[in-house]
Amino acid sequence: MKLLSVPVLVPLIHLFTAASCVSIAEINGNRFVSTLRDQRVSGVTGLVTAKGPDGFWLRSTIPDKDDSTSDSVYVFNRTAATARTVGDIVVLDATVTEFRSSPDFLFLTELTSPTNITVVSTGNTVTPIVIGEKSLSPPTEEYSSLDNGDVFGVPNNVSQVSNTNPELDEKKYGLDFWESLAGELVTVQGARALSKPNRFGDTWVVGDWKTTGENSRGGLTMTDRGEHLFCSEKIILNPEQMQIRRLSSSARLSTGPETPLEPT
């Protein structure tokens, strides 16, 4: 019967249909990798908070009030960025993409191949989020939900954030906290350098928020769970520190520290 072709046609239509009027919070979701990865979305509305050489950052004009989902996202497209001005509110269609420059880095959720960009209004006020205010402070002890909060756990990449894709708990784990702010324009008040800049000019800092593991050199001392396996002391992994990166002509920034290796 010809009716047998119907179940084949329906999923084909679905594959080429964009998700309509998707919010930025829905795109990011409450995990490290978007559940909308590689899907086309339409009607994405946001305020342009910053521009770079190869793209611009959008913040939702209607936040979802869920602290675990970032309301901002990076739009990767040099041509589109050139035409944008900070303070514009735009609507666009795009593809949800997960980008990383190395398999050892965490993914950055971003929008690529933007089309149908419409400027709704211009000259809107852009206000950075202040880290350390209104209960928005990073956790100070546990780093990740993997390995029981430790960061020096199982070797050889037995488990990775990008594969496990755990649900974010931004109040408990430092890595989750920074992920929940991915793409956001933020202010760090009272920034204090913890070390000298590396050869790329990147510097680890803390702001005007609670810190742990302070040492006599003005830095923070990290201790892993293994050192305290048979005693009652807590691990101190200092996830409250963040890296301020010096932008190059080809840089893509995400809010929070860039993790050299995925926690295992």
Protein backbone atom coordinates (compact mmCIF):
# COMPACT_ATOMS: atom_id res chain seq x y z
CA MET A 1 0.00 0.00 0.00
CA LYS A 2 1.22 3.53 -0.73
CA LEU A 3 0.36 4.52 2.83
CA LEU A 4 3.58 2.78 3.90
CA SER A 5 5.57 5.76 2.63
CA VAL A 6 3.99 8.16 5.14
CA PRO A 7 6.13 7.19 8.18
CA VAL A 8 9.25 7.81 6.08
CA LEU A 9 8.15 11.24 4.86
CA VAL A 10 7.27 12.65 8.29
CA PRO A 11 10.76 12.44 9.85
CA LEU A 12 12.29 13.89 6.68
CA ILE A 13 10.07 16.93 7.01
CA HIS A 14 10.99 17.19 10.69
CA LEU A 15 14.71 17.21 9.93
CA PHE A 16 14.46 20.30 7.78
CA THR A 17 12.06 22.26 9.98
CA ALA A 18 13.57 24.88 12.29
CA ALA A 19 12.47 25.08 15.89
CA SER A 20 10.43 28.31 16.06
CA CYS A 21 10.85 31.15 18.57
CA VAL A 22 13.45 29.38 20.69
CA SER A 23 14.84 31.35 23.62
CA ILE A 24 18.56 31.62 24.33
CA ALA A 25 18.04 29.86 27.66
CA GLU A 26 16.42 26.95 25.81
CA ILE A 27 19.36 26.83 23.42
CA ASN A 28 21.90 26.65 26.25
CA GLY A 29 19.79 24.44 28.49
CA ASN A 30 20.91 23.33 31.95
CA ARG A 31 23.74 21.10 30.71
CA PHE A 32 27.19 21.63 29.20
CA VAL A 33 26.19 20.52 25.68
CA SER A 34 22.96 21.84 24.17
CA THR A 35 20.17 19.37 23.53
CA LEU A 36 19.50 21.40 20.36
CA ARG A 37 22.98 20.75 18.98
CA ASP A 38 23.16 20.85 15.16
CA GLN A 39 19.52 21.92 14.92
CA ARG A 40 18.26 24.97 13.07
CA VAL A 41 16.40 27.47 15.28
CA SER A 42 14.39 30.52 14.29
CA GLY A 43 13.06 33.64 15.95
CA VAL A 44 15.95 33.93 18.43
CA THR A 45 15.70 37.35 20.06
CA GLY A 46 18.46 39.09 21.99
CA LEU A 47 20.29 42.25 22.94
CA VAL A 48 23.79 42.70 21.50
CA THR A 49 26.01 43.06 24.59
CA ALA A 50 29.45 42.90 22.96
CA LYS A 51 31.23 42.49 19.61
CA GLY A 52 34.37 40.68 18.55
CA PRO A 53 36.24 40.36 15.28
CA ASP A 54 34.35 37.23 14.26
CA GLY A 55 30.99 37.51 15.99
CA PHE A 56 28.83 39.10 18.65
CA TRP A 57 27.14 38.17 21.91
CA LEU A 58 23.38 38.14 22.45
CA ARG A 59 21.50 38.27 25.76
CA SER A 60 17.86 37.29 25.99
CA THR A 61 15.49 40.21 26.46
CA ILE A 62 13.22 37.96 28.55
CA PRO A 63 15.38 35.96 31.02
CA ASP A 64 13.90 32.64 32.13
CA LYS A 65 14.79 33.20 35.84
CA ASP A 66 16.57 29.84 35.99
CA ASP A 67 20.08 30.35 37.39
CA SER A 68 21.37 27.17 35.75
CA THR A 69 20.66 28.32 32.18
CA SER A 70 22.69 31.12 30.66
CA ASP A 71 20.62 33.81 28.96
CA SER A 72 23.46 34.74 26.59
CA VAL A 73 25.07 33.11 23.56
CA TYR A 74 27.82 33.84 21.05
CA VAL A 75 26.86 34.30 17.38
CA PHE A 76 29.76 33.34 15.13
CA ASN A 77 29.76 35.22 11.83
CA ARG A 78 32.17 38.00 10.83
CA THR A 79 29.86 39.63 8.30
CA ALA A 80 26.94 39.71 10.71
CA ALA A 81 29.14 41.12 13.47
CA THR A 82 30.33 44.00 11.28
CA ALA A 83 26.77 45.20 10.82
CA ARG A 84 25.86 44.96 14.50
CA THR A 85 26.09 47.68 17.17
CA VAL A 86 26.16 47.11 20.92
CA GLY A 87 22.68 47.99 22.18
CA ASP A 88 20.84 46.56 19.17
CA ILE A 89 17.99 44.14 19.80
CA VAL A 90 17.80 41.67 16.93
CA VAL A 91 15.86 38.61 15.84
CA LEU A 92 17.60 35.91 13.80
CA ASP A 93 17.63 32.30 12.62
CA ALA A 94 20.73 30.17 13.10
CA THR A 95 22.20 26.72 13.70
CA VAL A 96 23.07 25.59 17.24
CA THR A 97 26.71 24.49 17.24
CA GLU A 98 29.15 23.19 19.83
CA PHE A 99 32.65 24.59 19.23
CA ARG A 100 36.04 23.83 20.75
CA SER A 101 39.53 24.38 19.37
CA SER A 102 40.91 21.20 20.97
CA PRO A 103 39.41 17.88 22.11
CA ASP A 104 40.88 18.67 25.54
CA PHE A 105 38.69 21.76 25.97
CA LEU A 106 35.06 22.06 26.97
CA PHE A 107 32.51 22.86 24.28
CA LEU A 108 31.17 26.37 23.79
CA THR A 109 27.54 26.50 22.70
CA GLU A 110 27.15 29.07 19.94
CA LEU A 111 24.99 30.05 16.98
CA THR A 112 26.39 29.77 13.45
CA SER A 113 25.20 30.58 9.94
CA PRO A 114 22.80 33.33 11.08
CA THR A 115 20.18 34.45 8.57
CA ASN A 116 17.11 36.69 8.45
CA ILE A 117 18.67 39.11 10.94
CA THR A 118 16.17 41.83 11.76
CA VAL A 119 16.94 44.84 13.96
CA VAL A 120 14.04 45.43 16.33
CA SER A 121 15.47 48.51 18.06
CA THR A 122 18.76 50.31 18.67
CA GLY A 123 20.46 52.26 21.47
CA ASN A 124 19.28 49.98 24.26
CA THR A 125 21.13 50.01 27.60
CA VAL A 126 23.57 47.17 28.19
CA THR A 127 24.15 46.35 31.86
CA PRO A 128 26.79 43.79 32.87
CA ILE A 129 25.98 41.14 35.45
CA VAL A 130 28.04 41.72 38.61
CA ILE A 131 29.58 38.50 39.92
CA GLY A 132 29.46 38.44 43.71
CA GLU A 133 26.19 40.36 44.02
CA LYS A 134 22.66 39.09 44.65
CA SER A 135 23.82 35.59 45.66
CA LEU A 136 25.72 35.26 42.37
CA SER A 137 28.97 33.97 43.84
CA PRO A 138 30.99 30.94 42.71
CA PRO A 139 31.30 27.84 44.90
CA THR A 140 34.63 27.63 46.72
CA GLU A 141 35.31 23.94 47.20
CA GLU A 142 33.95 21.36 44.77
CA TYR A 143 34.81 21.59 41.11
CA SER A 144 32.65 19.10 39.22
CA SER A 145 29.87 16.60 39.80
CA LEU A 146 32.14 14.01 38.20
CA ASP A 147 34.60 12.26 40.52
CA ASN A 148 32.71 13.37 43.61
CA GLY A 149 33.62 17.01 43.17
CA ASP A 150 37.33 16.36 42.71
CA VAL A 151 39.39 17.52 39.73
CA PHE A 152 42.39 15.23 40.09
CA GLY A 153 40.36 12.04 39.81
CA VAL A 154 40.44 9.12 37.43
CA PRO A 155 43.20 9.35 34.78
CA ASN A 156 43.00 8.47 31.08
CA ASN A 157 39.70 10.23 30.42
CA VAL A 158 37.45 7.53 31.84
CA SER A 159 34.61 10.06 31.98
CA GLN A 160 34.35 13.48 30.35
CA VAL A 161 31.93 16.33 30.81
CA SER A 162 31.20 16.48 27.08
CA ASN A 163 30.25 12.79 27.02
CA THR A 164 28.43 12.55 30.33
CA ASN A 165 26.82 16.00 29.91
CA PRO A 166 25.56 16.22 33.51
CA GLU A 167 22.79 18.53 34.64
CA LEU A 168 24.22 21.74 36.09
CA ASP A 169 24.30 22.36 39.83
CA GLU A 170 25.70 25.88 39.83
CA LYS A 171 25.27 26.36 43.57
CA LYS A 172 27.53 23.40 44.44
CA TYR A 173 30.08 22.93 41.65
CA GLY A 174 32.43 25.61 40.33
CA LEU A 175 32.57 24.34 36.77
CA ASP A 176 28.77 24.32 36.63
CA PHE A 177 28.64 27.88 37.98
CA TRP A 178 30.84 29.26 35.21
CA GLU A 179 28.97 27.26 32.57
CA SER A 180 25.71 28.84 33.76
CA LEU A 181 27.21 32.23 32.84
CA ALA A 182 28.59 31.21 29.44
CA GLY A 183 28.45 34.09 26.97
CA GLU A 184 27.42 36.66 29.58
CA LEU A 185 28.81 40.18 29.85
CA VAL A 186 29.98 40.41 33.46
CA THR A 187 31.70 42.80 35.85
CA VAL A 188 34.36 41.57 38.27
CA GLN A 189 34.68 44.05 41.12
CA GLY A 190 37.90 44.23 43.12
CA ALA A 191 39.74 41.87 40.77
CA ARG A 192 42.96 40.49 42.28
CA ALA A 193 45.59 38.62 40.28
CA LEU A 194 46.56 35.25 41.74
CA SER A 195 49.66 34.83 39.59
CA LYS A 196 51.65 36.47 36.85
CA PRO A 197 50.19 36.35 33.32
CA ASN A 198 51.18 33.35 31.24
CA ARG A 199 53.01 33.67 27.91
CA PHE A 200 49.69 34.46 26.19
CA GLY A 201 48.91 37.29 28.60
CA ASP A 202 46.12 35.36 30.36
CA THR A 203 45.77 35.92 34.12
CA TRP A 204 43.94 34.00 36.86
CA VAL A 205 41.99 36.31 39.19
CA VAL A 206 39.37 36.38 41.91
CA GLY A 207 36.92 39.17 42.53
CA ASP A 208 35.12 40.61 45.50
CA TRP A 209 33.62 37.30 46.63
CA LYS A 210 34.40 34.56 49.14
CA THR A 211 37.61 32.61 48.55
CA THR A 212 39.29 29.63 50.21
CA GLY A 213 42.82 28.29 50.47
CA GLU A 214 44.48 31.71 50.77
CA ASN A 215 48.27 31.41 51.05
CA SER A 216 51.08 33.77 52.05
CA ARG A 217 52.01 34.51 48.42
CA GLY A 218 48.63 36.04 47.66
CA GLY A 219 47.43 33.02 45.73
CA LEU A 220 45.08 30.12 46.43
CA THR A 221 46.33 26.65 47.38
CA MET A 222 44.49 23.69 45.84
CA THR A 223 44.18 20.36 47.66
CA ASP A 224 42.64 17.28 46.07
CA ARG A 225 40.48 14.66 47.72
CA GLY A 226 43.32 12.13 47.77
CA GLU A 227 45.28 14.16 50.31
CA HIS A 228 42.38 13.99 52.76
CA LEU A 229 41.16 10.48 52.10
CA PHE A 230 41.55 9.39 55.71
CA CYS A 231 40.82 12.63 57.54
CA SER A 232 37.91 14.98 57.98
CA GLU A 233 39.36 17.96 56.07
CA LYS A 234 37.49 19.17 53.01
CA ILE A 235 39.00 19.35 49.57
CA ILE A 236 39.75 22.86 48.33
CA LEU A 237 39.86 23.14 44.56
CA ASN A 238 39.32 26.90 44.29
CA PRO A 239 36.73 26.89 41.49
CA GLU A 240 36.02 30.50 42.48
CA GLN A 241 38.97 31.72 40.42
CA MET A 242 38.53 32.74 36.79
CA GLN A 243 40.91 33.38 33.92
CA ILE A 244 40.96 36.76 32.21
CA ARG A 245 42.08 36.09 28.67
CA ARG A 246 43.81 38.53 26.37
CA LEU A 247 41.88 38.64 23.13
CA SER A 248 43.64 37.88 19.88
CA SER A 249 42.27 38.69 16.44
CA SER A 250 40.76 35.20 16.22
CA ALA A 251 39.65 34.68 19.82
CA ARG A 252 36.26 33.41 20.91
CA LEU A 253 35.49 34.09 24.56
CA SER A 254 33.19 32.32 26.97
CA THR A 255 32.56 33.65 30.44
CA GLY A 256 34.54 31.84 33.12
CA PRO A 257 37.72 29.83 33.06
CA GLU A 258 38.81 27.84 30.05
CA THR A 259 39.53 24.39 31.39
CA PRO A 260 42.86 23.02 30.06
CA LEU A 261 41.62 19.44 30.38
CA GLU A 262 38.16 18.08 30.91
CA PRO A 263 37.71 16.85 34.50
CA THR A 264 37.83 13.06 34.72
